[in-house]
Full PDB file with SEQRES, HELIX, SHEET, SSBOND, CRYST1, ORIGX, SCALE, CONECT and MASTER records, all heavy atoms in Angstrom:
SEQRES   1 A   32  GLY GLY PHE PHE ALA VAL TYR SER GLY TYR LEU LEU GLY          
SEQRES   2 A   32  GLY THR GLN SER ALA ALA SER THR GLU SER ASP THR ASP          
SEQRES   3 A   32  SER TYR ASP ALA LEU PRO                                      
HELIX    1 AA1 GLY A    2  SER A    8  1                                   7    
HELIX    2 AA2 ALA A   18  ASP A   29  1                                  12    
CRYST1    1.000    1.000    1.000  90.00  90.00  90.00 P 1           1          
ORIGX1      1.000000  0.000000  0.000000        0.00000                         
ORIGX2      0.000000  1.000000  0.000000        0.00000                         
ORIGX3      0.000000  0.000000  1.000000        0.00000                         
SCALE1      1.000000  0.000000  0.000000        0.00000                         
SCALE2      0.000000  1.000000  0.000000        0.00000                         
SCALE3      0.000000  0.000000  1.000000        0.00000                         
ATOM      1  N   GLY A   1     109.179 104.694  74.497  1.00  0.00           N  
ATOM      2  CA  GLY A   1     109.075 103.295  74.916  1.00  0.00           C  
ATOM      3  C   GLY A   1     109.273 103.132  76.410  1.00  0.00           C  
ATOM      4  O   GLY A   1     108.570 102.353  77.064  1.00  0.00           O  
ATOM      5  N   GLY A   2     110.214 103.870  76.984  1.00  0.00           N  
ATOM      6  CA  GLY A   2     110.429 103.822  78.430  1.00  0.00           C  
ATOM      7  C   GLY A   2     109.231 104.336  79.200  1.00  0.00           C  
ATOM      8  O   GLY A   2     108.823 103.753  80.211  1.00  0.00           O  
ATOM      9  N   PHE A   3     108.659 105.424  78.732  1.00  0.00           N  
ATOM     10  CA  PHE A   3     107.462 105.960  79.373  1.00  0.00           C  
ATOM     11  C   PHE A   3     106.330 104.944  79.334  1.00  0.00           C  
ATOM     12  O   PHE A   3     105.669 104.703  80.341  1.00  0.00           O  
ATOM     13  CB  PHE A   3     107.017 107.256  78.681  1.00  0.00           C  
ATOM     14  CG  PHE A   3     105.694 107.759  79.175  1.00  0.00           C  
ATOM     15  CD1 PHE A   3     105.597 108.421  80.385  1.00  0.00           C  
ATOM     16  CD2 PHE A   3     104.537 107.555  78.428  1.00  0.00           C  
ATOM     17  CE1 PHE A   3     104.375 108.870  80.844  1.00  0.00           C  
ATOM     18  CE2 PHE A   3     103.314 108.002  78.886  1.00  0.00           C  
ATOM     19  CZ  PHE A   3     103.227 108.660  80.095  1.00  0.00           C  
ATOM     20  N   PHE A   4     106.123 104.339  78.162  1.00  0.00           N  
ATOM     21  CA  PHE A   4     105.053 103.355  78.039  1.00  0.00           C  
ATOM     22  C   PHE A   4     105.284 102.171  78.966  1.00  0.00           C  
ATOM     23  O   PHE A   4     104.356 101.679  79.603  1.00  0.00           O  
ATOM     24  CB  PHE A   4     104.930 102.882  76.586  1.00  0.00           C  
ATOM     25  CG  PHE A   4     103.904 101.805  76.413  1.00  0.00           C  
ATOM     26  CD1 PHE A   4     102.554 102.115  76.442  1.00  0.00           C  
ATOM     27  CD2 PHE A   4     104.285 100.484  76.238  1.00  0.00           C  
ATOM     28  CE1 PHE A   4     101.600 101.124  76.302  1.00  0.00           C  
ATOM     29  CE2 PHE A   4     103.344  99.488  76.100  1.00  0.00           C  
ATOM     30  CZ  PHE A   4     101.988  99.806  76.129  1.00  0.00           C  
ATOM     31  N   ALA A   5     106.542 101.705  79.063  1.00  0.00           N  
ATOM     32  CA  ALA A   5     106.844 100.544  79.904  1.00  0.00           C  
ATOM     33  C   ALA A   5     106.582 100.846  81.372  1.00  0.00           C  
ATOM     34  O   ALA A   5     106.016 100.020  82.100  1.00  0.00           O  
ATOM     35  CB  ALA A   5     108.291 100.112  79.692  1.00  0.00           C  
ATOM     36  N   VAL A   6     106.953 102.020  81.843  1.00  0.00           N  
ATOM     37  CA  VAL A   6     106.719 102.380  83.242  1.00  0.00           C  
ATOM     38  C   VAL A   6     105.242 102.652  83.486  1.00  0.00           C  
ATOM     39  O   VAL A   6     104.669 102.204  84.477  1.00  0.00           O  
ATOM     40  CB  VAL A   6     107.578 103.606  83.633  1.00  0.00           C  
ATOM     41  CG1 VAL A   6     107.203 104.125  85.011  1.00  0.00           C  
ATOM     42  CG2 VAL A   6     109.056 103.255  83.588  1.00  0.00           C  
ATOM     43  N   TYR A   7     104.613 103.383  82.597  1.00  0.00           N  
ATOM     44  CA  TYR A   7     103.211 103.741  82.758  1.00  0.00           C  
ATOM     45  C   TYR A   7     102.304 102.516  82.760  1.00  0.00           C  
ATOM     46  O   TYR A   7     101.352 102.433  83.527  1.00  0.00           O  
ATOM     47  CB  TYR A   7     102.793 104.716  81.651  1.00  0.00           C  
ATOM     48  CG  TYR A   7     101.392 105.223  81.777  1.00  0.00           C  
ATOM     49  CD1 TYR A   7     101.061 106.179  82.731  1.00  0.00           C  
ATOM     50  CD2 TYR A   7     100.381 104.737  80.955  1.00  0.00           C  
ATOM     51  CE1 TYR A   7      99.777 106.651  82.857  1.00  0.00           C  
ATOM     52  CE2 TYR A   7      99.086 105.195  81.078  1.00  0.00           C  
ATOM     53  CZ  TYR A   7      98.785 106.155  82.027  1.00  0.00           C  
ATOM     54  OH  TYR A   7      97.502 106.610  82.153  1.00  0.00           O  
ATOM     55  N   SER A   8     102.598 101.557  81.913  1.00  0.00           N  
ATOM     56  CA  SER A   8     101.743 100.377  81.823  1.00  0.00           C  
ATOM     57  C   SER A   8     102.071  99.338  82.883  1.00  0.00           C  
ATOM     58  O   SER A   8     101.334  98.380  83.046  1.00  0.00           O  
ATOM     59  CB  SER A   8     101.852  99.759  80.434  1.00  0.00           C  
ATOM     60  OG  SER A   8     103.178  99.331  80.192  1.00  0.00           O  
ATOM     61  N   GLY A   9     103.159  99.510  83.618  1.00  0.00           N  
ATOM     62  CA  GLY A   9     103.477  98.611  84.713  1.00  0.00           C  
ATOM     63  C   GLY A   9     104.425  97.493  84.338  1.00  0.00           C  
ATOM     64  O   GLY A   9     104.661  96.603  85.141  1.00  0.00           O  
ATOM     65  N   TYR A  10     104.973  97.487  83.147  1.00  0.00           N  
ATOM     66  CA  TYR A  10     105.904  96.448  82.758  1.00  0.00           C  
ATOM     67  C   TYR A  10     107.261  96.621  83.437  1.00  0.00           C  
ATOM     68  O   TYR A  10     108.024  95.686  83.569  1.00  0.00           O  
ATOM     69  CB  TYR A  10     106.109  96.432  81.244  1.00  0.00           C  
ATOM     70  CG  TYR A  10     104.876  95.994  80.496  1.00  0.00           C  
ATOM     71  CD1 TYR A  10     104.286  96.832  79.566  1.00  0.00           C  
ATOM     72  CD2 TYR A  10     104.297  94.752  80.731  1.00  0.00           C  
ATOM     73  CE1 TYR A  10     103.156  96.452  78.882  1.00  0.00           C  
ATOM     74  CE2 TYR A  10     103.168  94.371  80.060  1.00  0.00           C  
ATOM     75  CZ  TYR A  10     102.598  95.215  79.132  1.00  0.00           C  
ATOM     76  OH  TYR A  10     101.474  94.839  78.468  1.00  0.00           O  
ATOM     77  N   LEU A  11     107.549  97.818  83.852  1.00  0.00           N  
ATOM     78  CA  LEU A  11     108.837  98.145  84.446  1.00  0.00           C  
ATOM     79  C   LEU A  11     108.583  98.826  85.789  1.00  0.00           C  
ATOM     80  O   LEU A  11     107.634  99.565  85.942  1.00  0.00           O  
ATOM     81  CB  LEU A  11     109.574  99.102  83.500  1.00  0.00           C  
ATOM     82  CG  LEU A  11     111.056  99.284  83.671  1.00  0.00           C  
ATOM     83  CD1 LEU A  11     111.787  97.973  83.456  1.00  0.00           C  
ATOM     84  CD2 LEU A  11     111.566 100.302  82.672  1.00  0.00           C  
ATOM     85  N   LEU A  12     109.421  98.555  86.776  1.00  0.00           N  
ATOM     86  CA  LEU A  12     109.321  99.174  88.106  1.00  0.00           C  
ATOM     87  C   LEU A  12     108.002  98.872  88.795  1.00  0.00           C  
ATOM     88  O   LEU A  12     107.339  99.740  89.321  1.00  0.00           O  
ATOM     89  CB  LEU A  12     109.511 100.693  88.026  1.00  0.00           C  
ATOM     90  CG  LEU A  12     110.822 101.193  87.481  1.00  0.00           C  
ATOM     91  CD1 LEU A  12     110.806 102.707  87.392  1.00  0.00           C  
ATOM     92  CD2 LEU A  12     111.985 100.722  88.311  1.00  0.00           C  
ATOM     93  N   GLY A  13     107.606  97.659  88.842  1.00  0.00           N  
ATOM     94  CA  GLY A  13     106.378  97.333  89.545  1.00  0.00           C  
ATOM     95  C   GLY A  13     105.715  96.101  88.988  1.00  0.00           C  
ATOM     96  O   GLY A  13     104.653  95.730  89.428  1.00  0.00           O  
ATOM     97  N   GLY A  14     106.324  95.469  88.037  1.00  0.00           N  
ATOM     98  CA  GLY A  14     105.743  94.268  87.473  1.00  0.00           C  
ATOM     99  C   GLY A  14     104.494  94.582  86.696  1.00  0.00           C  
ATOM    100  O   GLY A  14     104.138  95.724  86.466  1.00  0.00           O  
ATOM    101  N   THR A  15     103.794  93.538  86.304  1.00  0.00           N  
ATOM    102  CA  THR A  15     102.557  93.737  85.551  1.00  0.00           C  
ATOM    103  C   THR A  15     101.423  93.869  86.550  1.00  0.00           C  
ATOM    104  O   THR A  15     101.251  93.054  87.443  1.00  0.00           O  
ATOM    105  CB  THR A  15     102.302  92.556  84.603  1.00  0.00           C  
ATOM    106  OG1 THR A  15     102.277  91.358  85.372  1.00  0.00           O  
ATOM    107  CG2 THR A  15     103.374  92.476  83.549  1.00  0.00           C  
ATOM    108  N   GLN A  16     100.637  94.919  86.411  1.00  0.00           N  
ATOM    109  CA  GLN A  16      99.504  95.168  87.294  1.00  0.00           C  
ATOM    110  C   GLN A  16      98.277  95.376  86.436  1.00  0.00           C  
ATOM    111  O   GLN A  16      98.343  95.937  85.351  1.00  0.00           O  
ATOM    112  CB  GLN A  16      99.714  96.433  88.120  1.00  0.00           C  
ATOM    113  CG  GLN A  16     100.865  96.353  89.075  1.00  0.00           C  
ATOM    114  CD  GLN A  16     101.011  97.679  89.835  1.00  0.00           C  
ATOM    115  OE1 GLN A  16     100.473  98.687  89.435  1.00  0.00           O  
ATOM    116  NE2 GLN A  16     101.729  97.633  90.923  1.00  0.00           N  
ATOM    117  N   SER A  17      97.179  94.949  86.963  1.00  0.00           N  
ATOM    118  CA  SER A  17      95.928  95.217  86.256  1.00  0.00           C  
ATOM    119  C   SER A  17      95.408  96.575  86.686  1.00  0.00           C  
ATOM    120  O   SER A  17      95.852  97.152  87.668  1.00  0.00           O  
ATOM    121  CB  SER A  17      94.899  94.125  86.591  1.00  0.00           C  
ATOM    122  OG  SER A  17      94.542  94.203  87.959  1.00  0.00           O  
ATOM    123  N   ALA A  18      94.443  97.070  85.973  1.00  0.00           N  
ATOM    124  CA  ALA A  18      93.869  98.373  86.294  1.00  0.00           C  
ATOM    125  C   ALA A  18      93.179  98.336  87.654  1.00  0.00           C  
ATOM    126  O   ALA A  18      93.191  99.304  88.390  1.00  0.00           O  
ATOM    127  CB  ALA A  18      92.891  98.804  85.203  1.00  0.00           C  
ATOM    128  N   ALA A  19      92.575  97.197  88.016  1.00  0.00           N  
ATOM    129  CA  ALA A  19      91.878  97.094  89.298  1.00  0.00           C  
ATOM    130  C   ALA A  19      92.853  97.193  90.459  1.00  0.00           C  
ATOM    131  O   ALA A  19      92.587  97.849  91.464  1.00  0.00           O  
ATOM    132  CB  ALA A  19      91.107  95.783  89.370  1.00  0.00           C  
ATOM    133  N   SER A  20      94.022  96.560  90.351  1.00  0.00           N  
ATOM    134  CA  SER A  20      94.980  96.634  91.450  1.00  0.00           C  
ATOM    135  C   SER A  20      95.590  98.014  91.546  1.00  0.00           C  
ATOM    136  O   SER A  20      95.921  98.481  92.627  1.00  0.00           O  
ATOM    137  CB  SER A  20      96.072  95.574  91.287  1.00  0.00           C  
ATOM    138  OG  SER A  20      96.876  95.866  90.157  1.00  0.00           O  
ATOM    139  N   THR A  21      95.742  98.702  90.433  1.00  0.00           N  
ATOM    140  CA  THR A  21      96.265 100.064  90.458  1.00  0.00           C  
ATOM    141  C   THR A  21      95.289 100.992  91.156  1.00  0.00           C  
ATOM    142  O   THR A  21      95.680 101.835  91.951  1.00  0.00           O  
ATOM    143  CB  THR A  21      96.542 100.566  89.028  1.00  0.00           C  
ATOM    144  OG1 THR A  21      97.405  99.634  88.381  1.00  0.00           O  
ATOM    145  CG2 THR A  21      97.180 101.937  89.047  1.00  0.00           C  
ATOM    146  N   GLU A  22      93.988 100.830  90.908  1.00  0.00           N  
ATOM    147  CA  GLU A  22      92.993 101.662  91.564  1.00  0.00           C  
ATOM    148  C   GLU A  22      92.961 101.404  93.061  1.00  0.00           C  
ATOM    149  O   GLU A  22      92.845 102.321  93.858  1.00  0.00           O  
ATOM    150  CB  GLU A  22      91.617 101.416  90.961  1.00  0.00           C  
ATOM    151  CG  GLU A  22      91.466 101.997  89.564  1.00  0.00           C  
ATOM    152  CD  GLU A  22      90.126 101.634  88.947  1.00  0.00           C  
ATOM    153  OE1 GLU A  22      89.247 101.130  89.678  1.00  0.00           O  
ATOM    154  OE2 GLU A  22      89.964 101.855  87.738  1.00  0.00           O  
ATOM    155  N   SER A  23      93.084 100.141  93.491  1.00  0.00           N  
ATOM    156  CA  SER A  23      93.060  99.850  94.918  1.00  0.00           C  
ATOM    157  C   SER A  23      94.308 100.376  95.602  1.00  0.00           C  
ATOM    158  O   SER A  23      94.262 100.749  96.769  1.00  0.00           O  
ATOM    159  CB  SER A  23      92.909  98.342  95.158  1.00  0.00           C  
ATOM    160  OG  SER A  23      94.067  97.673  94.690  1.00  0.00           O  
ATOM    161  N   ASP A  24      95.444 100.440  94.886  1.00  0.00           N  
ATOM    162  CA  ASP A  24      96.653 101.000  95.458  1.00  0.00           C  
ATOM    163  C   ASP A  24      96.499 102.492  95.703  1.00  0.00           C  
ATOM    164  O   ASP A  24      96.959 103.013  96.712  1.00  0.00           O  
ATOM    165  CB  ASP A  24      97.861 100.757  94.544  1.00  0.00           C  
ATOM    166  CG  ASP A  24      98.279  99.297  94.519  1.00  0.00           C  
ATOM    167  OD1 ASP A  24      97.846  98.536  95.414  1.00  0.00           O  
ATOM    168  OD2 ASP A  24      99.039  98.922  93.597  1.00  0.00           O  
ATOM    169  N   THR A  25      95.844 103.191  94.797  1.00  0.00           N  
ATOM    170  CA  THR A  25      95.664 104.627  94.987  1.00  0.00           C  
ATOM    171  C   THR A  25      94.689 104.905  96.115  1.00  0.00           C  
ATOM    172  O   THR A  25      94.789 105.923  96.777  1.00  0.00           O  
ATOM    173  CB  THR A  25      95.186 105.318  93.695  1.00  0.00           C  
ATOM    174  OG1 THR A  25      93.983 104.703  93.262  1.00  0.00           O  
ATOM    175  CG2 THR A  25      96.241 105.246  92.621  1.00  0.00           C  
ATOM    176  N   ASP A  26      93.735 104.001  96.375  1.00  0.00           N  
ATOM    177  CA  ASP A  26      92.818 104.183  97.491  1.00  0.00           C  
ATOM    178  C   ASP A  26      93.560 104.114  98.820  1.00  0.00           C  
ATOM    179  O   ASP A  26      93.219 104.814  99.761  1.00  0.00           O  
ATOM    180  CB  ASP A  26      91.713 103.120  97.462  1.00  0.00           C  
ATOM    181  CG  ASP A  26      90.753 103.328  96.301  1.00  0.00           C  
ATOM    182  OD1 ASP A  26      90.729 104.449  95.757  1.00  0.00           O  
ATOM    183  OD2 ASP A  26      90.046 102.371  95.943  1.00  0.00           O  
ATOM    184  N   SER A  27      94.589 103.271  98.910  1.00  0.00           N  
ATOM    185  CA  SER A  27      95.325 103.159 100.163  1.00  0.00           C  
ATOM    186  C   SER A  27      96.120 104.419 100.457  1.00  0.00           C  
ATOM    187  O   SER A  27      96.404 104.716 101.602  1.00  0.00           O  
ATOM    188  CB  SER A  27      96.254 101.941 100.134  1.00  0.00           C  
ATOM    189  OG  SER A  27      97.258 102.140  99.154  1.00  0.00           O  
ATOM    190  N   TYR A  28      96.476 105.193  99.437  1.00  0.00           N  
ATOM    191  CA  TYR A  28      97.189 106.441  99.671  1.00  0.00           C  
ATOM    192  C   TYR A  28      96.259 107.519 100.210  1.00  0.00           C  
ATOM    193  O   TYR A  28      96.701 108.460 100.840  1.00  0.00           O  
ATOM    194  CB  TYR A  28      97.861 106.942  98.385  1.00  0.00           C  
ATOM    195  CG  TYR A  28      98.990 106.061  97.934  1.00  0.00           C  
ATOM    196  CD1 TYR A  28      98.995 105.517  96.657  1.00  0.00           C  
ATOM    197  CD2 TYR A  28     100.058 105.777  98.759  1.00  0.00           C  
ATOM    198  CE1 TYR A  28     100.020 104.709  96.224  1.00  0.00           C  
ATOM    199  CE2 TYR A  28     101.091 104.972  98.352  1.00  0.00           C  
ATOM    200  CZ  TYR A  28     101.072 104.439  97.080  1.00  0.00           C  
ATOM    201  OH  TYR A  28     102.090 103.646  96.668  1.00  0.00           O  
ATOM    202  N   ASP A  29      94.963 107.387  99.949  1.00  0.00           N  
ATOM    203  CA  ASP A  29      94.007 108.391 100.392  1.00  0.00           C  
ATOM    204  C   ASP A  29      93.745 108.314 101.893  1.00  0.00           C  
ATOM    205  O   ASP A  29      93.294 109.279 102.490  1.00  0.00           O  
ATOM    206  CB  ASP A  29      92.696 108.247  99.634  1.00  0.00           C  
ATOM    207  CG  ASP A  29      92.851 108.592  98.160  1.00  0.00           C  
ATOM    208  OD1 ASP A  29      93.818 109.287  97.809  1.00  0.00           O  
ATOM    209  OD2 ASP A  29      92.002 108.156  97.383  1.00  0.00           O  
ATOM    210  N   ALA A  30      94.014 107.173 102.523  1.00  0.00           N  
ATOM    211  CA  ALA A  30      93.766 107.019 103.949  1.00  0.00           C  
ATOM    212  C   ALA A  30      94.832 107.778 104.738  1.00  0.00           C  
ATOM    213  O   ALA A  30      96.018 107.590 104.536  1.00  0.00           O  
ATOM    214  CB  ALA A  30      93.787 105.539 104.318  1.00  0.00           C  
ATOM    215  N   LEU A  31      94.380 108.657 105.612  1.00  0.00           N  
ATOM    216  CA  LEU A  31      95.302 109.430 106.434  1.00  0.00           C  
ATOM    217  C   LEU A  31      95.605 108.676 107.725  1.00  0.00           C  
ATOM    218  O   LEU A  31      94.758 107.941 108.241  1.00  0.00           O  
ATOM    219  CB  LEU A  31      94.687 110.795 106.759  1.00  0.00           C  
ATOM    220  CG  LEU A  31      94.476 111.725 105.575  1.00  0.00           C  
ATOM    221  CD1 LEU A  31      93.738 112.977 106.016  1.00  0.00           C  
ATOM    222  CD2 LEU A  31      95.795 112.094 104.944  1.00  0.00           C  
ATOM    223  N   PRO A  32      96.797 108.863 108.271  1.00  0.00           N  
ATOM    224  CA  PRO A  32      97.114 108.181 109.522  1.00  0.00           C  
ATOM    225  C   PRO A  32      96.259 108.723 110.666  1.00  0.00           C  
ATOM    226  O   PRO A  32      95.798 109.868 110.625  1.00  0.00           O  
ATOM    227  CB  PRO A  32      98.597 108.495 109.729  1.00  0.00           C  
ATOM    228  CG  PRO A  32      98.859 109.709 108.926  1.00  0.00           C  
ATOM    229  CD  PRO A  32      97.899 109.670 107.775  1.00  0.00           C  
TER     230      PRO A  32                                                      
MASTER        0    0    0    2    0    0    0    6  229    1    0    3          
END                                                                             
């Protein structure tokens, strides 16, 4: 249950949609 809550975004990050999660990972790909 804890894994599911963190993985799905209910815990430690609020509720996020799949689109916002994908855009967040794109920002990590940009190098300084």
